[in-house]
Amino acid sequence: MNHPVRNTAYRPPSRLEDYPVGTAFPSGHLVDINAAWRSERPVIDTERCTNCLVCWLLCPDGVIRRTGDGGLEIDYDYCKGCGICARECRFDVIHMQKEGS
């Protein structure tokens, strides 16, 4: 007997424009801004960024957004400074900057 869910294959959008603007959806769980415990924050060199979107896809908090002009920006109110985006950027255009500098 075939299970109906197992026979349904997920098909991702074929065009980049069909993906959502961000990786997270409003859920009502994150209700306050960063609690000031972040020691470093990611900074994107927008001049060198190729918009490959690896950082956008891998950000665990969904704080990297695509802007209307095709660039990327980070919502520092909710970024925890984990550095995953900087480590995974294959073009080395994201670096971690000491907080307050």
N, C-alpha and C. Protein backbone atom coordinates (compact mmCIF):
# COMPACT_ATOMS: atom_id res chain seq x y z
N MET A 1 0.84 -1.17 0.00
CA MET A 1 0.00 0.00 0.00
C MET A 1 0.89 1.24 0.00
N ASN A 2 0.58 2.17 -0.85
CA ASN A 2 1.36 3.40 -0.94
C ASN A 2 0.83 4.45 0.02
N HIS A 3 1.74 5.11 0.68
CA HIS A 3 1.37 6.21 1.57
C HIS A 3 1.30 7.49 0.75
N PRO A 4 0.21 8.25 0.83
CA PRO A 4 0.06 9.43 -0.04
C PRO A 4 1.11 10.51 0.18
N VAL A 5 1.61 10.67 1.40
CA VAL A 5 2.61 11.70 1.66
C VAL A 5 3.95 11.32 1.04
N ARG A 6 4.31 10.06 1.12
CA ARG A 6 5.59 9.61 0.57
C ARG A 6 5.63 9.70 -0.94
N ASN A 7 4.49 9.63 -1.59
CA ASN A 7 4.45 9.71 -3.05
C ASN A 7 4.44 11.14 -3.55
N THR A 8 4.25 12.09 -2.67
CA THR A 8 4.23 13.50 -3.06
C THR A 8 5.64 14.05 -2.96
N ALA A 9 6.21 14.38 -4.09
CA ALA A 9 7.58 14.91 -4.11
C ALA A 9 7.54 16.42 -4.02
N TYR A 10 8.39 16.97 -3.16
CA TYR A 10 8.51 18.42 -3.07
C TYR A 10 9.28 18.93 -4.27
N ARG A 11 8.77 19.92 -4.91
CA ARG A 11 9.43 20.53 -6.05
C ARG A 11 9.69 22.00 -5.73
N PRO A 12 10.96 22.35 -5.52
CA PRO A 12 11.28 23.75 -5.21
C PRO A 12 11.00 24.64 -6.42
N PRO A 13 10.80 25.92 -6.19
CA PRO A 13 10.60 26.83 -7.31
C PRO A 13 11.77 26.78 -8.28
N SER A 14 11.48 26.93 -9.55
CA SER A 14 12.54 26.82 -10.56
C SER A 14 13.25 28.14 -10.79
N ARG A 15 12.64 29.25 -10.38
CA ARG A 15 13.27 30.56 -10.57
C ARG A 15 13.56 31.17 -9.21
N LEU A 16 14.68 31.88 -9.09
CA LEU A 16 15.07 32.53 -7.84
C LEU A 16 14.02 33.53 -7.39
N GLU A 17 13.39 34.20 -8.32
CA GLU A 17 12.39 35.21 -7.99
C GLU A 17 11.16 34.62 -7.31
N ASP A 18 10.95 33.31 -7.44
CA ASP A 18 9.78 32.67 -6.85
C ASP A 18 9.97 32.30 -5.38
N TYR A 19 11.21 32.42 -4.86
CA TYR A 19 11.46 32.15 -3.45
C TYR A 19 10.99 33.33 -2.63
N PRO A 20 10.70 33.12 -1.35
CA PRO A 20 10.28 34.24 -0.50
C PRO A 20 11.41 35.24 -0.32
N VAL A 21 11.06 36.43 0.14
CA VAL A 21 12.05 37.48 0.34
C VAL A 21 12.99 37.14 1.47
N GLY A 22 12.56 36.41 2.46
CA GLY A 22 13.40 36.02 3.59
C GLY A 22 13.26 34.55 3.89
N THR A 23 14.09 34.04 4.78
CA THR A 23 14.05 32.62 5.11
C THR A 23 13.14 32.32 6.29
N ALA A 24 12.65 33.35 6.95
CA ALA A 24 11.80 33.14 8.11
C ALA A 24 10.44 33.80 7.89
N PHE A 25 9.44 33.24 8.52
CA PHE A 25 8.11 33.79 8.44
C PHE A 25 7.72 34.29 9.82
N PRO A 26 6.92 35.35 9.90
CA PRO A 26 6.51 35.86 11.21
C PRO A 26 5.76 34.77 11.99
N SER A 27 6.20 34.49 13.19
CA SER A 27 5.56 33.45 13.98
C SER A 27 5.07 33.95 15.33
N GLY A 28 5.51 35.14 15.71
CA GLY A 28 5.10 35.66 17.00
C GLY A 28 5.96 35.20 18.15
N HIS A 29 7.02 34.43 17.89
CA HIS A 29 7.87 33.92 18.97
C HIS A 29 8.99 34.88 19.34
N LEU A 30 9.56 35.55 18.36
CA LEU A 30 10.67 36.47 18.62
C LEU A 30 10.08 37.85 18.86
N VAL A 31 9.96 38.23 20.11
CA VAL A 31 9.21 39.43 20.44
C VAL A 31 10.07 40.59 20.93
N ASP A 32 11.36 40.37 21.11
CA ASP A 32 12.21 41.44 21.62
C ASP A 32 13.49 41.47 20.80
N ILE A 33 14.13 42.62 20.77
CA ILE A 33 15.36 42.74 20.01
C ILE A 33 16.52 42.08 20.75
N ASN A 34 17.66 42.03 20.09
CA ASN A 34 18.87 41.41 20.63
C ASN A 34 19.09 41.85 22.07
N ALA A 35 19.41 40.91 22.92
CA ALA A 35 19.56 41.19 24.35
C ALA A 35 20.94 41.74 24.70
N ALA A 36 21.71 42.19 23.70
CA ALA A 36 23.02 42.82 23.89
C ALA A 36 24.09 41.85 24.35
N TRP A 37 23.93 40.56 24.11
CA TRP A 37 24.97 39.59 24.48
C TRP A 37 25.86 39.24 23.31
N ARG A 38 25.55 39.72 22.11
CA ARG A 38 26.36 39.43 20.93
C ARG A 38 27.70 40.15 21.06
N SER A 39 28.82 39.45 20.83
CA SER A 39 30.14 40.08 20.92
C SER A 39 30.70 40.46 19.55
N GLU A 40 30.23 39.76 18.50
CA GLU A 40 30.65 40.08 17.14
C GLU A 40 29.42 40.05 16.24
N ARG A 41 29.48 40.84 15.17
CA ARG A 41 28.36 40.85 14.23
C ARG A 41 28.89 40.71 12.81
N PRO A 42 28.11 40.09 11.94
CA PRO A 42 28.55 39.92 10.55
C PRO A 42 28.35 41.21 9.76
N VAL A 43 29.30 41.50 8.89
CA VAL A 43 29.22 42.67 8.02
C VAL A 43 29.45 42.17 6.59
N ILE A 44 28.54 42.53 5.68
CA ILE A 44 28.63 42.10 4.29
C ILE A 44 29.31 43.19 3.47
N ASP A 45 30.34 42.82 2.72
CA ASP A 45 30.97 43.74 1.77
C ASP A 45 30.10 43.74 0.52
N THR A 46 29.17 44.67 0.46
CA THR A 46 28.18 44.68 -0.62
C THR A 46 28.79 44.93 -1.99
N GLU A 47 29.96 45.53 -2.05
CA GLU A 47 30.62 45.76 -3.34
C GLU A 47 31.10 44.46 -3.96
N ARG A 48 31.51 43.51 -3.12
CA ARG A 48 32.06 42.25 -3.62
C ARG A 48 31.06 41.09 -3.59
N CYS A 49 29.93 41.28 -2.93
CA CYS A 49 28.95 40.21 -2.78
C CYS A 49 28.38 39.82 -4.15
N THR A 50 28.32 38.51 -4.40
CA THR A 50 27.80 38.00 -5.68
C THR A 50 26.33 37.61 -5.60
N ASN A 51 25.71 37.78 -4.44
CA ASN A 51 24.32 37.40 -4.21
C ASN A 51 24.07 35.92 -4.49
N CYS A 52 24.99 35.07 -4.06
CA CYS A 52 24.81 33.63 -4.23
C CYS A 52 23.74 33.10 -3.27
N LEU A 53 23.44 33.85 -2.21
CA LEU A 53 22.39 33.57 -1.23
C LEU A 53 22.67 32.39 -0.30
N VAL A 54 23.90 31.93 -0.25
CA VAL A 54 24.23 30.84 0.68
C VAL A 54 24.03 31.32 2.12
N CYS A 55 24.47 32.52 2.43
CA CYS A 55 24.29 33.06 3.79
C CYS A 55 22.81 33.19 4.13
N TRP A 56 22.04 33.63 3.18
CA TRP A 56 20.59 33.81 3.35
C TRP A 56 19.91 32.48 3.64
N LEU A 57 20.33 31.44 2.94
CA LEU A 57 19.73 30.13 3.14
C LEU A 57 20.16 29.46 4.45
N LEU A 58 21.39 29.71 4.90
CA LEU A 58 21.92 29.01 6.07
C LEU A 58 21.76 29.76 7.39
N CYS A 59 21.35 31.01 7.36
CA CYS A 59 21.18 31.77 8.60
C CYS A 59 20.11 31.10 9.48
N PRO A 60 20.50 30.63 10.68
CA PRO A 60 19.54 29.90 11.52
C PRO A 60 18.43 30.79 12.08
N ASP A 61 18.64 32.09 12.10
CA ASP A 61 17.63 32.98 12.65
C ASP A 61 16.85 33.74 11.57
N GLY A 62 17.22 33.56 10.32
CA GLY A 62 16.49 34.21 9.24
C GLY A 62 16.60 35.72 9.26
N VAL A 63 17.76 36.25 9.67
CA VAL A 63 17.91 37.69 9.79
C VAL A 63 18.56 38.35 8.57
N ILE A 64 18.96 37.55 7.59
CA ILE A 64 19.51 38.11 6.36
C ILE A 64 18.38 38.20 5.36
N ARG A 65 18.17 39.42 4.84
CA ARG A 65 17.06 39.66 3.92
C ARG A 65 17.56 40.13 2.58
N ARG A 66 16.81 39.79 1.56
CA ARG A 66 17.06 40.34 0.24
C ARG A 66 16.38 41.71 0.17
N THR A 67 17.10 42.69 -0.33
CA THR A 67 16.53 44.02 -0.47
C THR A 67 15.86 44.16 -1.83
N GLY A 68 15.12 45.21 -2.01
CA GLY A 68 14.42 45.42 -3.26
C GLY A 68 15.34 45.60 -4.45
N ASP A 69 16.56 46.07 -4.21
CA ASP A 69 17.50 46.29 -5.32
C ASP A 69 18.39 45.08 -5.58
N GLY A 70 18.08 43.94 -4.98
CA GLY A 70 18.83 42.72 -5.24
C GLY A 70 19.98 42.47 -4.28
N GLY A 71 20.23 43.37 -3.35
CA GLY A 71 21.31 43.19 -2.38
C GLY A 71 20.83 42.42 -1.16
N LEU A 72 21.69 42.36 -0.17
CA LEU A 72 21.36 41.68 1.08
C LEU A 72 21.60 42.63 2.24
N GLU A 73 20.82 42.48 3.30
CA GLU A 73 21.02 43.25 4.52
C GLU A 73 20.76 42.35 5.71
N ILE A 74 21.36 42.72 6.83
CA ILE A 74 21.24 41.93 8.06
C ILE A 74 20.43 42.72 9.07
N ASP A 75 19.46 42.08 9.68
CA ASP A 75 18.66 42.69 10.74
C ASP A 75 19.41 42.50 12.05
N TYR A 76 20.18 43.51 12.44
CA TYR A 76 21.01 43.41 13.63
C TYR A 76 20.20 43.39 14.92
N ASP A 77 18.94 43.77 14.86
CA ASP A 77 18.10 43.68 16.06
C ASP A 77 17.93 42.24 16.52
N TYR A 78 17.97 41.29 15.59
CA TYR A 78 17.72 39.90 15.93
C TYR A 78 18.90 38.97 15.64
N CYS A 79 19.96 39.47 15.01
CA CYS A 79 21.14 38.65 14.74
C CYS A 79 21.84 38.31 16.05
N LYS A 80 22.16 37.03 16.22
CA LYS A 80 22.83 36.58 17.45
C LYS A 80 24.34 36.56 17.32
N GLY A 81 24.85 36.81 16.10
CA GLY A 81 26.30 36.84 15.91
C GLY A 81 26.96 35.48 15.90
N CYS A 82 26.25 34.46 15.45
CA CYS A 82 26.80 33.10 15.47
C CYS A 82 27.96 32.93 14.48
N GLY A 83 27.97 33.71 13.40
CA GLY A 83 29.06 33.66 12.43
C GLY A 83 28.93 32.58 11.36
N ILE A 84 27.81 31.88 11.32
CA ILE A 84 27.63 30.84 10.30
C ILE A 84 27.70 31.46 8.91
N CYS A 85 27.10 32.61 8.72
CA CYS A 85 27.12 33.26 7.41
C CYS A 85 28.55 33.57 6.96
N ALA A 86 29.37 34.05 7.87
CA ALA A 86 30.76 34.38 7.54
C ALA A 86 31.58 33.13 7.23
N ARG A 87 31.36 32.07 8.01
CA ARG A 87 32.10 30.82 7.77
C ARG A 87 31.71 30.16 6.46
N GLU A 88 30.46 30.26 6.08
CA GLU A 88 29.97 29.57 4.89
C GLU A 88 30.09 30.39 3.61
N CYS A 89 30.44 31.66 3.70
CA CYS A 89 30.57 32.50 2.50
C CYS A 89 31.80 32.06 1.71
N ARG A 90 31.58 31.46 0.56
CA ARG A 90 32.71 30.93 -0.22
C ARG A 90 33.50 32.03 -0.93
N PHE A 91 32.95 33.25 -0.98
CA PHE A 91 33.65 34.37 -1.61
C PHE A 91 34.32 35.27 -0.59
N ASP A 92 34.21 34.94 0.70
CA ASP A 92 34.84 35.67 1.79
C ASP A 92 34.47 37.15 1.80
N VAL A 93 33.18 37.43 1.59
CA VAL A 93 32.73 38.83 1.60
C VAL A 93 32.00 39.19 2.88
N ILE A 94 31.84 38.23 3.79
CA ILE A 94 31.24 38.51 5.10
C ILE A 94 32.31 38.30 6.15
N HIS A 95 32.52 39.32 6.96
CA HIS A 95 33.49 39.18 8.06
C HIS A 95 32.81 39.55 9.36
N MET A 96 33.34 39.00 10.43
CA MET A 96 32.79 39.27 11.76
C MET A 96 33.53 40.48 12.35
N GLN A 97 32.76 41.44 12.79
CA GLN A 97 33.31 42.67 13.34
C GLN A 97 32.97 42.74 14.83
N LYS A 98 33.95 43.12 15.63
CA LYS A 98 33.72 43.24 17.07
C LYS A 98 32.58 44.22 17.32
N GLU A 99 31.68 43.84 18.18
CA GLU A 99 30.52 44.69 18.48
C GLU A 99 30.98 46.03 19.07
N GLY A 100 30.40 47.09 18.59
CA GLY A 100 30.74 48.42 19.07
C GLY A 100 31.83 49.12 18.28
N SER A 101 32.44 48.43 17.29
CA SER A 101 33.49 49.08 16.50
C SER A 101 32.94 49.62 15.21
